[in-house]
Amino acid sequence: MTDKRPHSRDRLQSFDKSVRVFGMRKQKFIEFEFSVGCTELTIELVMLYPAFKEFCDVNHVTEITSEPSIKAEFEKVSNGYQHTGNIINLGEFK
């Protein structure tokens, strides 16, 4: 799935969007919270890593926060994929 809309038509463009990875399932599904504008209001989602990466790219996510305990597991899943750009900085967990 590719976002074919011009970025300028994104009505949420002016809001900060973030994800917080909080778990892994079967060492391939990423469990995370997604927020737009207000970090207190989130939606929980579960996606395979490639879908998660695309979701972050399409939504111009600038921050990934996570508990240190899942950092190694997340890196293990993500190591098999090519990363382009700096939307997702896998080394920076807060």
N, C-alpha and C. Protein backbone atom coordinates (compact mmCIF):
# COMPACT_ATOMS: atom_id res chain seq x y z
N MET A 1 0.84 -1.18 0.00
CA MET A 1 0.00 0.00 0.00
C MET A 1 0.88 1.24 0.00
N THR A 2 0.68 2.07 -0.95
CA THR A 2 1.46 3.30 -1.05
C THR A 2 0.52 4.49 -1.03
N ASP A 3 0.91 5.49 -0.28
CA ASP A 3 0.12 6.71 -0.19
C ASP A 3 0.35 7.53 -1.45
N LYS A 4 -0.69 7.64 -2.29
CA LYS A 4 -0.55 8.35 -3.56
C LYS A 4 -0.98 9.80 -3.46
N ARG A 5 -1.50 10.21 -2.28
CA ARG A 5 -1.91 11.60 -2.12
C ARG A 5 -0.69 12.50 -1.96
N PRO A 6 -0.73 13.68 -2.52
CA PRO A 6 0.37 14.61 -2.27
C PRO A 6 0.44 14.95 -0.77
N HIS A 7 1.63 15.07 -0.26
CA HIS A 7 1.81 15.36 1.16
C HIS A 7 1.11 16.66 1.55
N SER A 8 1.03 17.61 0.65
CA SER A 8 0.41 18.90 0.97
C SER A 8 -1.09 18.77 1.26
N ARG A 9 -1.72 17.66 0.87
CA ARG A 9 -3.15 17.48 1.12
C ARG A 9 -3.40 16.76 2.44
N ASP A 10 -2.37 16.39 3.14
CA ASP A 10 -2.51 15.69 4.41
C ASP A 10 -3.02 16.68 5.45
N ARG A 11 -4.25 16.49 5.91
CA ARG A 11 -4.86 17.43 6.86
C ARG A 11 -4.22 17.35 8.24
N LEU A 12 -3.49 16.29 8.51
CA LEU A 12 -2.82 16.15 9.81
C LEU A 12 -1.34 16.50 9.73
N GLN A 13 -0.94 17.07 8.63
CA GLN A 13 0.46 17.39 8.37
C GLN A 13 1.08 18.27 9.45
N SER A 14 0.33 19.19 9.99
CA SER A 14 0.90 20.14 10.95
C SER A 14 1.00 19.57 12.36
N PHE A 15 0.49 18.35 12.59
CA PHE A 15 0.55 17.73 13.91
C PHE A 15 1.74 16.79 14.02
N ASP A 16 2.33 16.73 15.21
CA ASP A 16 3.38 15.76 15.47
C ASP A 16 2.74 14.38 15.57
N LYS A 17 3.34 13.39 14.91
CA LYS A 17 2.84 12.02 14.96
C LYS A 17 3.94 11.16 15.56
N SER A 18 3.57 10.28 16.47
CA SER A 18 4.58 9.45 17.11
C SER A 18 4.06 8.05 17.34
N VAL A 19 4.99 7.14 17.49
CA VAL A 19 4.67 5.77 17.87
C VAL A 19 5.49 5.40 19.09
N ARG A 20 4.93 4.50 19.90
CA ARG A 20 5.65 3.94 21.03
C ARG A 20 5.51 2.44 20.93
N VAL A 21 6.62 1.77 20.62
CA VAL A 21 6.62 0.31 20.54
C VAL A 21 6.58 -0.22 21.96
N PHE A 22 5.62 -1.11 22.25
CA PHE A 22 5.53 -1.64 23.60
C PHE A 22 5.56 -3.15 23.66
N GLY A 23 5.66 -3.81 22.51
CA GLY A 23 5.72 -5.27 22.56
C GLY A 23 5.96 -5.90 21.21
N MET A 24 6.22 -7.21 21.28
CA MET A 24 6.43 -8.02 20.10
C MET A 24 5.60 -9.29 20.27
N ARG A 25 5.10 -9.82 19.17
CA ARG A 25 4.37 -11.09 19.18
C ARG A 25 5.04 -12.03 18.19
N LYS A 26 5.35 -13.21 18.66
CA LYS A 26 5.94 -14.26 17.82
C LYS A 26 7.16 -13.79 17.07
N GLN A 27 7.88 -12.85 17.60
CA GLN A 27 9.11 -12.29 17.03
C GLN A 27 8.93 -11.76 15.61
N LYS A 28 7.71 -11.35 15.24
CA LYS A 28 7.53 -10.74 13.93
C LYS A 28 6.45 -9.67 13.88
N PHE A 29 5.58 -9.61 14.87
CA PHE A 29 4.54 -8.60 14.91
C PHE A 29 4.93 -7.50 15.89
N ILE A 30 4.82 -6.26 15.45
CA ILE A 30 5.15 -5.10 16.27
C ILE A 30 3.87 -4.59 16.91
N GLU A 31 3.85 -4.47 18.24
CA GLU A 31 2.72 -3.89 18.96
C GLU A 31 3.11 -2.46 19.31
N PHE A 32 2.26 -1.51 18.96
CA PHE A 32 2.63 -0.12 19.21
C PHE A 32 1.41 0.77 19.39
N GLU A 33 1.67 1.93 19.98
CA GLU A 33 0.66 2.98 20.11
C GLU A 33 1.00 4.07 19.12
N PHE A 34 -0.01 4.63 18.47
CA PHE A 34 0.16 5.71 17.52
C PHE A 34 -0.62 6.91 18.03
N SER A 35 0.01 8.07 18.01
CA SER A 35 -0.68 9.28 18.44
C SER A 35 -0.45 10.40 17.44
N VAL A 36 -1.44 11.28 17.37
CA VAL A 36 -1.37 12.45 16.50
C VAL A 36 -1.65 13.67 17.36
N GLY A 37 -0.67 14.53 17.47
CA GLY A 37 -0.85 15.77 18.22
C GLY A 37 -0.74 15.62 19.72
N CYS A 38 -1.56 14.81 20.32
CA CYS A 38 -1.63 14.68 21.77
C CYS A 38 -1.18 13.26 22.16
N THR A 39 -0.08 13.16 22.87
CA THR A 39 0.45 11.83 23.20
C THR A 39 -0.40 11.10 24.23
N GLU A 40 -1.32 11.77 24.89
CA GLU A 40 -2.20 11.11 25.84
C GLU A 40 -3.34 10.35 25.14
N LEU A 41 -3.62 10.69 23.90
CA LEU A 41 -4.67 10.04 23.14
C LEU A 41 -4.01 9.17 22.07
N THR A 42 -4.13 7.84 22.22
CA THR A 42 -3.44 6.92 21.31
C THR A 42 -4.39 5.84 20.81
N ILE A 43 -3.94 5.16 19.79
CA ILE A 43 -4.61 3.96 19.31
C ILE A 43 -3.55 2.86 19.28
N GLU A 44 -3.92 1.67 19.74
CA GLU A 44 -3.00 0.55 19.74
C GLU A 44 -3.16 -0.24 18.45
N LEU A 45 -2.04 -0.58 17.84
CA LEU A 45 -2.03 -1.32 16.58
C LEU A 45 -1.03 -2.46 16.65
N VAL A 46 -1.23 -3.48 15.82
CA VAL A 46 -0.30 -4.60 15.68
C VAL A 46 -0.08 -4.81 14.19
N MET A 47 1.21 -4.83 13.76
CA MET A 47 1.54 -4.99 12.34
C MET A 47 2.82 -5.80 12.20
N LEU A 48 2.95 -6.47 11.06
CA LEU A 48 4.23 -7.06 10.69
C LEU A 48 5.22 -5.92 10.49
N TYR A 49 6.51 -6.20 10.67
CA TYR A 49 7.50 -5.13 10.56
C TYR A 49 7.42 -4.35 9.24
N PRO A 50 7.34 -5.01 8.06
CA PRO A 50 7.28 -4.22 6.82
C PRO A 50 6.09 -3.26 6.79
N ALA A 51 4.94 -3.69 7.28
CA ALA A 51 3.76 -2.81 7.32
C ALA A 51 3.97 -1.68 8.32
N PHE A 52 4.61 -1.99 9.45
CA PHE A 52 4.91 -0.98 10.46
C PHE A 52 5.82 0.10 9.88
N LYS A 53 6.87 -0.32 9.18
CA LYS A 53 7.81 0.63 8.59
C LYS A 53 7.09 1.52 7.58
N GLU A 54 6.25 0.91 6.73
CA GLU A 54 5.51 1.70 5.74
C GLU A 54 4.54 2.66 6.43
N PHE A 55 3.87 2.19 7.47
CA PHE A 55 2.95 3.04 8.23
C PHE A 55 3.70 4.27 8.77
N CYS A 56 4.88 4.05 9.31
CA CYS A 56 5.68 5.16 9.85
C CYS A 56 6.12 6.11 8.74
N ASP A 57 6.52 5.56 7.59
CA ASP A 57 6.94 6.40 6.46
C ASP A 57 5.78 7.24 5.94
N VAL A 58 4.63 6.61 5.73
CA VAL A 58 3.46 7.31 5.19
C VAL A 58 2.98 8.40 6.13
N ASN A 59 3.04 8.15 7.43
CA ASN A 59 2.55 9.10 8.42
C ASN A 59 3.63 10.06 8.92
N HIS A 60 4.82 9.99 8.34
CA HIS A 60 5.91 10.90 8.67
C HIS A 60 6.19 10.92 10.18
N VAL A 61 6.28 9.73 10.75
CA VAL A 61 6.57 9.59 12.17
C VAL A 61 8.00 10.03 12.43
N THR A 62 8.20 10.85 13.43
CA THR A 62 9.53 11.37 13.72
C THR A 62 10.11 10.83 15.02
N GLU A 63 9.33 10.07 15.77
CA GLU A 63 9.82 9.62 17.08
C GLU A 63 9.36 8.19 17.34
N ILE A 64 10.28 7.38 17.76
CA ILE A 64 9.93 6.04 18.22
C ILE A 64 10.44 5.91 19.64
N THR A 65 9.57 5.60 20.55
CA THR A 65 9.95 5.40 21.93
C THR A 65 9.63 3.97 22.31
N SER A 66 10.41 3.42 23.20
CA SER A 66 10.19 2.03 23.58
C SER A 66 10.84 1.74 24.91
N GLU A 67 10.36 0.70 25.54
CA GLU A 67 10.99 0.21 26.76
C GLU A 67 12.31 -0.46 26.37
N PRO A 68 13.35 -0.25 27.13
CA PRO A 68 14.65 -0.87 26.81
C PRO A 68 14.58 -2.39 26.71
N SER A 69 13.64 -3.01 27.42
CA SER A 69 13.57 -4.46 27.44
C SER A 69 13.19 -5.07 26.09
N ILE A 70 12.54 -4.31 25.20
CA ILE A 70 12.18 -4.88 23.90
C ILE A 70 13.08 -4.39 22.77
N LYS A 71 14.06 -3.56 23.08
CA LYS A 71 14.95 -3.01 22.04
C LYS A 71 15.65 -4.12 21.26
N ALA A 72 16.23 -5.08 21.93
CA ALA A 72 16.97 -6.15 21.25
C ALA A 72 16.04 -6.99 20.38
N GLU A 73 14.87 -7.28 20.87
CA GLU A 73 13.91 -8.08 20.10
C GLU A 73 13.46 -7.33 18.86
N PHE A 74 13.19 -6.03 18.99
CA PHE A 74 12.78 -5.21 17.86
C PHE A 74 13.89 -5.14 16.82
N GLU A 75 15.13 -4.95 17.27
CA GLU A 75 16.26 -4.87 16.34
C GLU A 75 16.46 -6.18 15.60
N LYS A 76 16.22 -7.30 16.27
CA LYS A 76 16.35 -8.61 15.62
C LYS A 76 15.37 -8.72 14.46
N VAL A 77 14.15 -8.28 14.66
CA VAL A 77 13.12 -8.34 13.61
C VAL A 77 13.48 -7.38 12.48
N SER A 78 13.94 -6.20 12.81
CA SER A 78 14.19 -5.17 11.79
C SER A 78 15.49 -5.38 11.02
N ASN A 79 16.41 -6.17 11.54
CA ASN A 79 17.70 -6.35 10.87
C ASN A 79 17.59 -6.96 9.49
N GLY A 80 16.54 -7.70 9.20
CA GLY A 80 16.38 -8.33 7.89
C GLY A 80 15.86 -7.40 6.81
N TYR A 81 15.61 -6.15 7.13
CA TYR A 81 15.01 -5.23 6.17
C TYR A 81 15.93 -4.06 5.88
N GLN A 82 15.89 -3.60 4.63
CA GLN A 82 16.66 -2.42 4.23
C GLN A 82 15.97 -1.17 4.76
N HIS A 83 16.73 -0.25 5.32
CA HIS A 83 16.17 0.99 5.83
C HIS A 83 16.63 2.13 4.93
N THR A 84 15.69 2.96 4.52
CA THR A 84 16.03 4.12 3.71
C THR A 84 15.59 5.36 4.45
N GLY A 85 16.33 6.39 4.31
CA GLY A 85 15.99 7.65 4.97
C GLY A 85 16.22 7.57 6.46
N ASN A 86 15.73 8.55 7.18
CA ASN A 86 15.93 8.56 8.63
C ASN A 86 14.62 8.71 9.38
N ILE A 87 13.53 8.25 8.78
CA ILE A 87 12.24 8.33 9.45
C ILE A 87 12.26 7.46 10.72
N ILE A 88 12.80 6.26 10.59
CA ILE A 88 12.88 5.36 11.72
C ILE A 88 14.34 5.18 12.10
N ASN A 89 14.71 5.63 13.25
CA ASN A 89 16.08 5.48 13.72
C ASN A 89 16.07 4.36 14.75
N LEU A 90 16.40 3.15 14.34
CA LEU A 90 16.27 1.99 15.19
C LEU A 90 17.22 2.01 16.36
N GLY A 91 18.26 2.81 16.32
CA GLY A 91 19.20 2.87 17.44
C GLY A 91 18.77 3.82 18.55
N GLU A 92 17.77 4.61 18.31
CA GLU A 92 17.34 5.62 19.28
C GLU A 92 16.04 5.25 19.94
N PHE A 93 16.12 4.56 21.04
CA PHE A 93 14.94 4.25 21.84
C PHE A 93 14.97 5.10 23.08
N LYS A 94 13.83 5.64 23.45
CA LYS A 94 13.77 6.52 24.61
C LYS A 94 13.02 5.83 25.71
